[in-house]
Amino acid sequence: MSKRNTNNSAINTKLRTSFVITIVSISLVLFLLGLEGLIILNANKLSEYVKENLGFTVFLKDDVKEVEMLRLQKYLDAIPEVKSTLFISKDEAAEILIKDLGEDFVSFLGYNPLAASIDVKFHAADATPVTFSKIEKELLGFPQVKEVNYKESLIHLVNEKIYQISIILLVFSLVLFSISIVLINNTIRLMVYSKRFLIKTMKLVGATNNFIRTPFVLKGALNGLLSALVSIVFLTICIYFLRNYLKDFAGNIDIELLGILFLSVILIGMFITSITTFFAVSKYLKLKSDRLYL
């Protein structure tokens, strides 16, 4: 009796160990997928941030009245592509430059050589060279406008680099997703392999394929759910540290997008584990008895 209890205890220990290893393995894979999703979400927000900070400065003539300047600013605000405008008077421009230089150049020169200006920022989708060129031509037709200043080469470079980075992230995501499927599939196959004799025994006593498969598939889905929840805990810890140490990168993570990411991790985990379990069990249902020992 004591020996039988020892054997049962050893079997239970092995089963628990196998279960923990399966959950941890799948969790790590899902964590990597979630981390990739987090990077993609923040890369998108970062590209929007960069594009929305691209813009140009409209320098105004010295003899323009403040009323006309404000009227021009309202005109710019009404343009659909424009996100925001900021009017900077001659005195404000001088104060900013004095602060940057650390010297009062106005007192030295005896006058303020700077012009009043309007800083114009665009929506991310409209921050393109075509939009900039179109609005620049319109503004140069206004008598109040002295000059429109922006770096066209920088706009081309930013748009080009963002496109290249998006392609690289897409390829990397597809590769990582493929690797994840393979790793989860191998983990599930090993788990089902340990139950191959039980599957065959149930088959021999007359159980139907669906009757045998269903508990395994449900357990696979449950394993996927548990693994996804564990990976979400890891992701939450990761986000916490990112918020504390990389505020510019992860300081403004959209809660709604984060919820979609977590839900996606759960659905992917349950889907992959269910499908791989289904095919793994089906393999041993078709396998001949003498092949079970290989």
C-alpha atoms as a PDB file:
ATOM      1  CA  MET A   1       0.000   0.000   0.000  1.00  0.00           C
ATOM      2  CA  SER A   2       2.817   2.336   0.897  1.00  0.00           C
ATOM      3  CA  LYS A   3       4.554   1.629  -2.404  1.00  0.00           C
ATOM      4  CA  ARG A   4       1.326   2.300  -4.332  1.00  0.00           C
ATOM      5  CA  ASN A   5       0.865   5.629  -2.529  1.00  0.00           C
ATOM      6  CA  THR A   6       4.466   6.533  -3.329  1.00  0.00           C
ATOM      7  CA  ASN A   7       3.907   5.764  -7.009  1.00  0.00           C
ATOM      8  CA  ASN A   8       0.678   7.808  -7.079  1.00  0.00           C
ATOM      9  CA  SER A   9       2.445  10.683  -5.376  1.00  0.00           C
ATOM     10  CA  ALA A  10       5.285  10.544  -7.918  1.00  0.00           C
ATOM     11  CA  ILE A  11       2.791  10.486 -10.810  1.00  0.00           C
ATOM     12  CA  ASN A  12       0.872  13.458  -9.368  1.00  0.00           C
ATOM     13  CA  THR A  13       4.127  15.364  -8.920  1.00  0.00           C
ATOM     14  CA  LYS A  14       5.100  14.693 -12.535  1.00  0.00           C
ATOM     15  CA  LEU A  15       1.664  15.796 -13.751  1.00  0.00           C
ATOM     16  CA  ARG A  16       1.842  19.016 -11.749  1.00  0.00           C
ATOM     17  CA  THR A  17       5.373  19.679 -12.983  1.00  0.00           C
ATOM     18  CA  SER A  18       4.317  19.030 -16.576  1.00  0.00           C
ATOM     19  CA  PHE A  19       1.333  21.372 -16.157  1.00  0.00           C
ATOM     20  CA  VAL A  20       3.495  24.160 -14.691  1.00  0.00           C
ATOM     21  CA  ILE A  21       6.121  23.793 -17.436  1.00  0.00           C
ATOM     22  CA  THR A  22       3.384  23.937 -20.105  1.00  0.00           C
ATOM     23  CA  ILE A  23       1.821  27.086 -18.607  1.00  0.00           C
ATOM     24  CA  VAL A  24       5.178  28.837 -18.137  1.00  0.00           C
ATOM     25  CA  SER A  25       6.359  27.959 -21.662  1.00  0.00           C
ATOM     26  CA  ILE A  26       3.189  29.235 -23.329  1.00  0.00           C
ATOM     27  CA  SER A  27       3.129  32.299 -21.050  1.00  0.00           C
ATOM     28  CA  LEU A  28       6.631  33.334 -22.105  1.00  0.00           C
ATOM     29  CA  VAL A  29       5.724  33.003 -25.780  1.00  0.00           C
ATOM     30  CA  LEU A  30       2.523  35.029 -25.315  1.00  0.00           C
ATOM     31  CA  PHE A  31       4.481  37.584 -23.289  1.00  0.00           C
ATOM     32  CA  LEU A  32       6.846  38.086 -26.246  1.00  0.00           C
ATOM     33  CA  LEU A  33       3.859  38.481 -28.572  1.00  0.00           C
ATOM     34  CA  GLY A  34       2.261  40.989 -26.193  1.00  0.00           C
ATOM     35  CA  LEU A  35       5.529  42.892 -25.881  1.00  0.00           C
ATOM     36  CA  GLU A  36       5.747  43.091 -29.664  1.00  0.00           C
ATOM     37  CA  GLY A  37       2.169  44.411 -29.751  1.00  0.00           C
ATOM     38  CA  LEU A  38       3.075  46.983 -27.102  1.00  0.00           C
ATOM     39  CA  ILE A  39       6.064  48.137 -29.173  1.00  0.00           C
ATOM     40  CA  ILE A  40       3.887  48.435 -32.291  1.00  0.00           C
ATOM     41  CA  LEU A  41       1.236  50.470 -30.430  1.00  0.00           C
ATOM     42  CA  ASN A  42       3.859  52.838 -29.036  1.00  0.00           C
ATOM     43  CA  ALA A  43       5.700  53.026 -32.350  1.00  0.00           C
ATOM     44  CA  ASN A  44       2.456  54.185 -33.955  1.00  0.00           C
ATOM     45  CA  LYS A  45       1.910  56.788 -31.225  1.00  0.00           C
ATOM     46  CA  LEU A  46       5.542  57.863 -31.509  1.00  0.00           C
ATOM     47  CA  SER A  47       5.250  58.325 -35.284  1.00  0.00           C
ATOM     48  CA  GLU A  48       2.076  60.381 -34.752  1.00  0.00           C
ATOM     49  CA  TYR A  49       3.869  62.474 -32.125  1.00  0.00           C
ATOM     50  CA  VAL A  50       6.802  63.144 -34.480  1.00  0.00           C
ATOM     51  CA  LYS A  51       4.536  64.019 -37.423  1.00  0.00           C
ATOM     52  CA  GLU A  52       2.312  66.284 -35.325  1.00  0.00           C
ATOM     53  CA  ASN A  53       5.383  68.199 -34.181  1.00  0.00           C
ATOM     54  CA  LEU A  54       6.416  68.805 -37.767  1.00  0.00           C
ATOM     55  CA  GLY A  55       5.167  72.129 -38.988  1.00  0.00           C
ATOM     56  CA  PHE A  56       6.232  75.509 -40.216  1.00  0.00           C
ATOM     57  CA  THR A  57       6.590  79.028 -38.925  1.00  0.00           C
ATOM     58  CA  VAL A  58       4.840  81.919 -40.646  1.00  0.00           C
ATOM     59  CA  PHE A  59       6.873  85.120 -40.153  1.00  0.00           C
ATOM     60  CA  LEU A  60       4.846  88.329 -40.369  1.00  0.00           C
ATOM     61  CA  LYS A  61       5.827  91.771 -41.642  1.00  0.00           C
ATOM     62  CA  ASP A  62       6.691  94.446 -39.086  1.00  0.00           C
ATOM     63  CA  ASP A  63       3.999  96.885 -40.206  1.00  0.00           C
ATOM     64  CA  VAL A  64       1.151  94.373 -39.759  1.00  0.00           C
ATOM     65  CA  LYS A  65      -1.379  95.265 -37.056  1.00  0.00           C
ATOM     66  CA  GLU A  66      -2.093  92.739 -34.297  1.00  0.00           C
ATOM     67  CA  VAL A  67      -5.742  92.525 -35.393  1.00  0.00           C
ATOM     68  CA  GLU A  68      -4.657  91.352 -38.850  1.00  0.00           C
ATOM     69  CA  MET A  69      -2.239  88.861 -37.299  1.00  0.00           C
ATOM     70  CA  LEU A  70      -5.017  87.328 -35.211  1.00  0.00           C
ATOM     71  CA  ARG A  71      -7.300  87.243 -38.262  1.00  0.00           C
ATOM     72  CA  LEU A  72      -4.622  85.271 -40.136  1.00  0.00           C
ATOM     73  CA  GLN A  73      -4.287  82.899 -37.179  1.00  0.00           C
ATOM     74  CA  LYS A  74      -8.050  82.248 -37.234  1.00  0.00           C
ATOM     75  CA  TYR A  75      -7.825  81.539 -40.962  1.00  0.00           C
ATOM     76  CA  LEU A  76      -5.097  78.952 -40.290  1.00  0.00           C
ATOM     77  CA  ASP A  77      -7.129  77.371 -37.476  1.00  0.00           C
ATOM     78  CA  ALA A  78     -10.020  76.866 -39.908  1.00  0.00           C
ATOM     79  CA  ILE A  79      -7.894  74.783 -42.315  1.00  0.00           C
ATOM     80  CA  PRO A  80      -8.860  71.082 -41.830  1.00  0.00           C
ATOM     81  CA  GLU A  81      -5.243  69.825 -42.027  1.00  0.00           C
ATOM     82  CA  VAL A  82      -4.062  72.185 -39.277  1.00  0.00           C
ATOM     83  CA  LYS A  83      -4.110  70.802 -35.727  1.00  0.00           C
ATOM     84  CA  SER A  84      -3.022  73.894 -33.811  1.00  0.00           C
ATOM     85  CA  THR A  85      -1.472  77.325 -34.152  1.00  0.00           C
ATOM     86  CA  LEU A  86       0.509  79.477 -31.744  1.00  0.00           C
ATOM     87  CA  PHE A  87       0.928  83.233 -32.152  1.00  0.00           C
ATOM     88  CA  ILE A  88       4.268  84.621 -30.906  1.00  0.00           C
ATOM     89  CA  SER A  89       4.641  88.390 -30.765  1.00  0.00           C
ATOM     90  CA  LYS A  90       7.929  90.259 -31.311  1.00  0.00           C
ATOM     91  CA  ASP A  91       8.392  90.737 -27.560  1.00  0.00           C
ATOM     92  CA  GLU A  92       7.660  87.083 -26.783  1.00  0.00           C
ATOM     93  CA  ALA A  93      10.108  85.959 -29.475  1.00  0.00           C
ATOM     94  CA  ALA A  94      12.776  88.224 -27.952  1.00  0.00           C
ATOM     95  CA  GLU A  95      12.157  86.831 -24.447  1.00  0.00           C
ATOM     96  CA  ILE A  96      12.479  83.246 -25.716  1.00  0.00           C
ATOM     97  CA  LEU A  97      15.750  84.000 -27.533  1.00  0.00           C
ATOM     98  CA  ILE A  98      17.182  85.909 -24.560  1.00  0.00           C
ATOM     99  CA  LYS A  99      16.419  82.909 -22.354  1.00  0.00           C
ATOM    100  CA  ASP A 100      18.087  80.527 -24.827  1.00  0.00           C
ATOM    101  CA  LEU A 101      21.175  82.723 -25.356  1.00  0.00           C
ATOM    102  CA  GLY A 102      21.493  83.888 -21.760  1.00  0.00           C
ATOM    103  CA  GLU A 103      22.176  87.434 -22.991  1.00  0.00           C
ATOM    104  CA  ASP A 104      19.990  90.487 -23.579  1.00  0.00           C
ATOM    105  CA  PHE A 105      20.695  91.119 -27.269  1.00  0.00           C
ATOM    106  CA  VAL A 106      17.876  93.726 -27.468  1.00  0.00           C
ATOM    107  CA  SER A 107      19.695  96.053 -25.059  1.00  0.00           C
ATOM    108  CA  PHE A 108      22.952  95.500 -26.947  1.00  0.00           C
ATOM    109  CA  LEU A 109      21.445  96.218 -30.398  1.00  0.00           C
ATOM    110  CA  GLY A 110      19.080  98.930 -29.204  1.00  0.00           C
ATOM    111  CA  TYR A 111      16.096  97.397 -31.020  1.00  0.00           C
ATOM    112  CA  ASN A 112      14.259  94.078 -31.479  1.00  0.00           C
ATOM    113  CA  PRO A 113      15.151  92.560 -34.899  1.00  0.00           C
ATOM    114  CA  LEU A 114      12.784  89.599 -34.531  1.00  0.00           C
ATOM    115  CA  ALA A 115       9.449  89.349 -36.323  1.00  0.00           C
ATOM    116  CA  ALA A 116       6.108  88.224 -34.966  1.00  0.00           C
ATOM    117  CA  SER A 117       5.235  84.731 -36.080  1.00  0.00           C
ATOM    118  CA  ILE A 118       2.648  81.961 -36.048  1.00  0.00           C
ATOM    119  CA  ASP A 119       3.759  78.370 -35.409  1.00  0.00           C
ATOM    120  CA  VAL A 120       1.563  75.909 -37.325  1.00  0.00           C
ATOM    121  CA  LYS A 121       1.244  72.190 -36.465  1.00  0.00           C
ATOM    122  CA  PHE A 122      -0.582  69.605 -38.585  1.00  0.00           C
ATOM    123  CA  HIS A 123      -2.509  66.413 -37.931  1.00  0.00           C
ATOM    124  CA  ALA A 124      -0.278  63.332 -38.289  1.00  0.00           C
ATOM    125  CA  ALA A 125      -2.057  62.097 -41.441  1.00  0.00           C
ATOM    126  CA  ASP A 126      -1.672  65.500 -43.118  1.00  0.00           C
ATOM    127  CA  ALA A 127       1.985  66.173 -42.220  1.00  0.00           C
ATOM    128  CA  THR A 128       3.195  65.537 -45.778  1.00  0.00           C
ATOM    129  CA  PRO A 129       5.305  67.568 -48.202  1.00  0.00           C
ATOM    130  CA  VAL A 130       2.261  67.981 -50.492  1.00  0.00           C
ATOM    131  CA  THR A 131       0.186  69.567 -47.706  1.00  0.00           C
ATOM    132  CA  PHE A 132       3.039  71.819 -46.606  1.00  0.00           C
ATOM    133  CA  SER A 133       3.694  73.031 -50.152  1.00  0.00           C
ATOM    134  CA  LYS A 134       0.001  73.669 -50.838  1.00  0.00           C
ATOM    135  CA  ILE A 135      -0.579  75.750 -47.693  1.00  0.00           C
ATOM    136  CA  GLU A 136       2.743  77.577 -48.114  1.00  0.00           C
ATOM    137  CA  LYS A 137       1.637  78.816 -51.554  1.00  0.00           C
ATOM    138  CA  GLU A 138      -1.680  80.017 -50.106  1.00  0.00           C
ATOM    139  CA  LEU A 139       0.038  81.884 -47.260  1.00  0.00           C
ATOM    140  CA  LEU A 140       2.596  83.594 -49.467  1.00  0.00           C
ATOM    141  CA  GLY A 141      -0.346  85.234 -51.234  1.00  0.00           C
ATOM    142  CA  PHE A 142      -1.289  87.119 -48.061  1.00  0.00           C
ATOM    143  CA  PRO A 143       0.154  90.663 -47.792  1.00  0.00           C
ATOM    144  CA  GLN A 144       0.791  90.192 -44.045  1.00  0.00           C
ATOM    145  CA  VAL A 145       3.139  87.236 -44.609  1.00  0.00           C
ATOM    146  CA  LYS A 146       6.860  87.911 -44.890  1.00  0.00           C
ATOM    147  CA  GLU A 147       8.144  84.326 -45.052  1.00  0.00           C
ATOM    148  CA  VAL A 148       7.111  80.719 -44.468  1.00  0.00           C
ATOM    149  CA  ASN A 149       9.920  78.694 -42.941  1.00  0.00           C
ATOM    150  CA  TYR A 150      10.137  74.880 -42.778  1.00  0.00           C
ATOM    151  CA  LYS A 151      12.658  72.167 -43.628  1.00  0.00           C
ATOM    152  CA  GLU A 152      11.285  70.266 -46.611  1.00  0.00           C
ATOM    153  CA  SER A 153      14.110  67.700 -46.547  1.00  0.00           C
ATOM    154  CA  LEU A 154      13.340  66.870 -42.908  1.00  0.00           C
ATOM    155  CA  ILE A 155       9.675  66.188 -43.723  1.00  0.00           C
ATOM    156  CA  HIS A 156      10.660  63.833 -46.554  1.00  0.00           C
ATOM    157  CA  LEU A 157      13.190  62.099 -44.295  1.00  0.00           C
ATOM    158  CA  VAL A 158      10.751  61.620 -41.398  1.00  0.00           C
ATOM    159  CA  ASN A 159       8.015  60.182 -43.631  1.00  0.00           C
ATOM    160  CA  GLU A 160      10.505  57.890 -45.380  1.00  0.00           C
ATOM    161  CA  LYS A 161      12.029  56.581 -42.136  1.00  0.00           C
ATOM    162  CA  ILE A 162       8.638  56.002 -40.518  1.00  0.00           C
ATOM    163  CA  TYR A 163       7.564  53.959 -43.549  1.00  0.00           C
ATOM    164  CA  GLN A 164      10.768  51.887 -43.395  1.00  0.00           C
ATOM    165  CA  ILE A 165      10.391  51.267 -39.664  1.00  0.00           C
ATOM    166  CA  SER A 166       6.750  50.211 -40.169  1.00  0.00           C
ATOM    167  CA  ILE A 167       7.805  47.620 -42.785  1.00  0.00           C
ATOM    168  CA  ILE A 168      10.542  46.262 -40.489  1.00  0.00           C
ATOM    169  CA  LEU A 169       8.113  45.991 -37.547  1.00  0.00           C
ATOM    170  CA  LEU A 170       5.542  44.227 -39.743  1.00  0.00           C
ATOM    171  CA  VAL A 171       8.085  41.636 -40.956  1.00  0.00           C
ATOM    172  CA  PHE A 172       9.431  41.144 -37.424  1.00  0.00           C
ATOM    173  CA  SER A 173       5.878  40.674 -36.101  1.00  0.00           C
ATOM    174  CA  LEU A 174       5.064  38.024 -38.723  1.00  0.00           C
ATOM    175  CA  VAL A 175       8.303  36.147 -37.980  1.00  0.00           C
ATOM    176  CA  LEU A 176       7.722  36.301 -34.213  1.00  0.00           C
ATOM    177  CA  PHE A 177       4.099  35.174 -34.617  1.00  0.00           C
ATOM    178  CA  SER A 178       5.200  32.194 -36.746  1.00  0.00           C
ATOM    179  CA  ILE A 179       7.857  31.224 -34.201  1.00  0.00           C
ATOM    180  CA  SER A 180       5.289  31.556 -31.408  1.00  0.00           C
ATOM    181  CA  ILE A 181       2.896  29.172 -33.155  1.00  0.00           C
ATOM    182  CA  VAL A 182       5.694  26.617 -33.612  1.00  0.00           C
ATOM    183  CA  LEU A 183       6.808  26.863 -29.968  1.00  0.00           C
ATOM    184  CA  ILE A 184       3.275  26.577 -28.581  1.00  0.00           C
ATOM    185  CA  ASN A 185       2.540  23.711 -30.980  1.00  0.00           C
ATOM    186  CA  ASN A 186       5.626  21.804 -29.783  1.00  0.00           C
ATOM    187  CA  THR A 187       4.702  22.382 -26.127  1.00  0.00           C
ATOM    188  CA  ILE A 188       1.155  21.110 -26.655  1.00  0.00           C
ATOM    189  CA  ARG A 189       2.349  18.103 -28.658  1.00  0.00           C
ATOM    190  CA  LEU A 190       4.641  17.093 -25.798  1.00  0.00           C
ATOM    191  CA  MET A 191       1.762  17.400 -23.350  1.00  0.00           C
ATOM    192  CA  VAL A 192      -0.539  15.273 -25.538  1.00  0.00           C
ATOM    193  CA  TYR A 193       2.288  12.780 -26.160  1.00  0.00           C
ATOM    194  CA  SER A 194       2.352  11.970 -22.438  1.00  0.00           C
ATOM    195  CA  LYS A 195      -1.365  11.035 -22.670  1.00  0.00           C
ATOM    196  CA  ARG A 196      -1.123   8.961 -25.855  1.00  0.00           C
ATOM    197  CA  PHE A 197      -1.824   5.644 -24.093  1.00  0.00           C
ATOM    198  CA  LEU A 198      -4.914   7.087 -22.393  1.00  0.00           C
ATOM    199  CA  ILE A 199      -6.173   8.351 -25.781  1.00  0.00           C
ATOM    200  CA  LYS A 200      -5.667   4.931 -27.371  1.00  0.00           C
ATOM    201  CA  THR A 201      -7.303   3.111 -24.446  1.00  0.00           C
ATOM    202  CA  MET A 202     -10.411   5.285 -24.714  1.00  0.00           C
ATOM    203  CA  LYS A 203     -10.456   4.617 -28.461  1.00  0.00           C
ATOM    204  CA  LEU A 204     -10.254   0.842 -27.898  1.00  0.00           C
ATOM    205  CA  VAL A 205     -13.192   0.802 -25.465  1.00  0.00           C
ATOM    206  CA  GLY A 206     -15.445   2.429 -28.069  1.00  0.00           C
ATOM    207  CA  ALA A 207     -15.270   6.167 -27.307  1.00  0.00           C
ATOM    208  CA  THR A 208     -15.878   8.392 -30.346  1.00  0.00           C
ATOM    209  CA  ASN A 209     -13.211  10.759 -31.620  1.00  0.00           C
ATOM    210  CA  ASN A 210     -15.169  13.855 -30.602  1.00  0.00           C
ATOM    211  CA  PHE A 211     -15.795  12.428 -27.118  1.00  0.00           C
ATOM    212  CA  ILE A 212     -12.041  11.879 -26.675  1.00  0.00           C
ATOM    213  CA  ARG A 213     -10.947  15.169 -28.247  1.00  0.00           C
ATOM    214  CA  THR A 214     -13.356  17.529 -26.492  1.00  0.00           C
ATOM    215  CA  PRO A 215     -11.852  17.336 -22.954  1.00  0.00           C
ATOM    216  CA  PHE A 216      -8.347  17.759 -24.351  1.00  0.00           C
ATOM    217  CA  VAL A 217      -9.344  20.757 -26.480  1.00  0.00           C
ATOM    218  CA  LEU A 218     -11.168  22.376 -23.553  1.00  0.00           C
ATOM    219  CA  LYS A 219      -8.159  21.797 -21.316  1.00  0.00           C
ATOM    220  CA  GLY A 220      -5.939  23.232 -24.041  1.00  0.00           C
ATOM    221  CA  ALA A 221      -8.135  26.345 -24.203  1.00  0.00           C
ATOM    222  CA  LEU A 222      -7.998  26.620 -20.398  1.00  0.00           C
ATOM    223  CA  ASN A 223      -4.204  26.318 -20.498  1.00  0.00           C
ATOM    224  CA  GLY A 224      -4.156  29.047 -23.137  1.00  0.00           C
ATOM    225  CA  LEU A 225      -6.326  31.270 -20.920  1.00  0.00           C
ATOM    226  CA  LEU A 226      -4.172  30.712 -17.825  1.00  0.00           C
ATOM    227  CA  SER A 227      -0.985  31.274 -19.831  1.00  0.00           C
ATOM    228  CA  ALA A 228      -2.423  34.488 -21.309  1.00  0.00           C
ATOM    229  CA  LEU A 229      -3.340  35.789 -17.838  1.00  0.00           C
ATOM    230  CA  VAL A 230       0.181  35.041 -16.584  1.00  0.00           C
ATOM    231  CA  SER A 231       1.680  36.817 -19.600  1.00  0.00           C
ATOM    232  CA  ILE A 232      -0.616  39.814 -18.972  1.00  0.00           C
ATOM    233  CA  VAL A 233       0.746  40.031 -15.424  1.00  0.00           C
ATOM    234  CA  PHE A 234       4.288  40.099 -16.867  1.00  0.00           C
ATOM    235  CA  LEU A 235       3.227  42.749 -19.413  1.00  0.00           C
ATOM    236  CA  THR A 236       1.659  44.887 -16.677  1.00  0.00           C
ATOM    237  CA  ILE A 237       4.890  44.768 -14.674  1.00  0.00           C
ATOM    238  CA  CYS A 238       6.828  45.656 -17.828  1.00  0.00           C
ATOM    239  CA  ILE A 239       4.515  48.615 -18.546  1.00  0.00           C
ATOM    240  CA  TYR A 240       4.920  49.802 -14.942  1.00  0.00           C
ATOM    241  CA  PHE A 241       8.703  49.971 -15.320  1.00  0.00           C
ATOM    242  CA  LEU A 242       8.411  51.584 -18.763  1.00  0.00           C
ATOM    243  CA  ARG A 243       6.170  54.293 -17.322  1.00  0.00           C
ATOM    244  CA  ASN A 244       8.705  54.996 -14.574  1.00  0.00           C
ATOM    245  CA  TYR A 245      11.922  54.878 -16.590  1.00  0.00           C
ATOM    246  CA  LEU A 246      10.846  55.652 -20.181  1.00  0.00           C
ATOM    247  CA  LYS A 247       8.060  58.192 -19.745  1.00  0.00           C
ATOM    248  CA  ASP A 248       8.444  59.624 -23.257  1.00  0.00           C
ATOM    249  CA  PHE A 249       8.055  56.141 -24.742  1.00  0.00           C
ATOM    250  CA  ALA A 250       5.245  54.695 -22.624  1.00  0.00           C
ATOM    251  CA  GLY A 251       3.957  57.580 -20.549  1.00  0.00           C
ATOM    252  CA  ASN A 252       0.758  58.034 -22.553  1.00  0.00           C
ATOM    253  CA  ILE A 253      -0.360  54.489 -23.333  1.00  0.00           C
ATOM    254  CA  ASP A 254      -3.998  54.481 -24.394  1.00  0.00           C
ATOM    255  CA  ILE A 255      -6.002  52.405 -21.881  1.00  0.00           C
ATOM    256  CA  GLU A 256      -8.481  51.327 -24.558  1.00  0.00           C
ATOM    257  CA  LEU A 257      -5.697  50.127 -26.859  1.00  0.00           C
ATOM    258  CA  LEU A 258      -4.051  48.384 -23.912  1.00  0.00           C
ATOM    259  CA  GLY A 259      -7.329  46.572 -23.197  1.00  0.00           C
ATOM    260  CA  ILE A 260      -7.518  45.475 -26.851  1.00  0.00           C
ATOM    261  CA  LEU A 261      -3.912  44.222 -26.612  1.00  0.00           C
ATOM    262  CA  PHE A 262      -4.649  42.172 -23.483  1.00  0.00           C
ATOM    263  CA  LEU A 263      -7.828  40.747 -25.020  1.00  0.00           C
ATOM    264  CA  SER A 264      -5.878  39.857 -28.180  1.00  0.00           C
ATOM    265  CA  VAL A 265      -3.266  38.004 -26.104  1.00  0.00           C
ATOM    266  CA  ILE A 266      -6.040  35.998 -24.396  1.00  0.00           C
ATOM    267  CA  LEU A 267      -7.801  35.141 -27.675  1.00  0.00           C
ATOM    268  CA  ILE A 268      -4.542  34.226 -29.437  1.00  0.00           C
ATOM    269  CA  GLY A 269      -3.480  32.044 -26.505  1.00  0.00           C
ATOM    270  CA  MET A 270      -6.800  30.175 -26.372  1.00  0.00           C
ATOM    271  CA  PHE A 271      -7.062  29.846 -30.160  1.00  0.00           C
ATOM    272  CA  ILE A 272      -3.546  28.500 -30.758  1.00  0.00           C
ATOM    273  CA  THR A 273      -3.634  26.053 -27.836  1.00  0.00           C
ATOM    274  CA  SER A 274      -7.093  24.774 -28.849  1.00  0.00           C
ATOM    275  CA  ILE A 275      -6.159  24.254 -32.500  1.00  0.00           C
ATOM    276  CA  THR A 276      -2.799  22.617 -31.752  1.00  0.00           C
ATOM    277  CA  THR A 277      -4.410  20.349 -29.147  1.00  0.00           C
ATOM    278  CA  PHE A 278      -7.090  19.336 -31.646  1.00  0.00           C
ATOM    279  CA  PHE A 279      -4.549  18.277 -34.264  1.00  0.00           C
ATOM    280  CA  ALA A 280      -2.200  16.644 -31.743  1.00  0.00           C
ATOM    281  CA  VAL A 281      -5.008  14.464 -30.318  1.00  0.00           C
ATOM    282  CA  SER A 282      -6.241  13.653 -33.826  1.00  0.00           C
ATOM    283  CA  LYS A 283      -2.776  12.379 -34.682  1.00  0.00           C
ATOM    284  CA  TYR A 284      -2.800   9.827 -31.840  1.00  0.00           C
ATOM    285  CA  LEU A 285      -6.373   8.818 -32.595  1.00  0.00           C
ATOM    286  CA  LYS A 286      -5.229   7.727 -36.061  1.00  0.00           C
ATOM    287  CA  LEU A 287      -1.976   6.177 -34.881  1.00  0.00           C
ATOM    288  CA  LYS A 288      -1.653   2.411 -34.729  1.00  0.00           C
ATOM    289  CA  SER A 289      -0.962   0.812 -31.352  1.00  0.00           C
ATOM    290  CA  ASP A 290       2.547  -0.386 -32.258  1.00  0.00           C
ATOM    291  CA  ARG A 291       3.523   3.184 -33.160  1.00  0.00           C
ATOM    292  CA  LEU A 292       2.722   4.525 -29.685  1.00  0.00           C
ATOM    293  CA  TYR A 293       6.051   3.290 -28.323  1.00  0.00           C
ATOM    294  CA  LEU A 294       8.162   5.185 -30.869  1.00  0.00           C
END
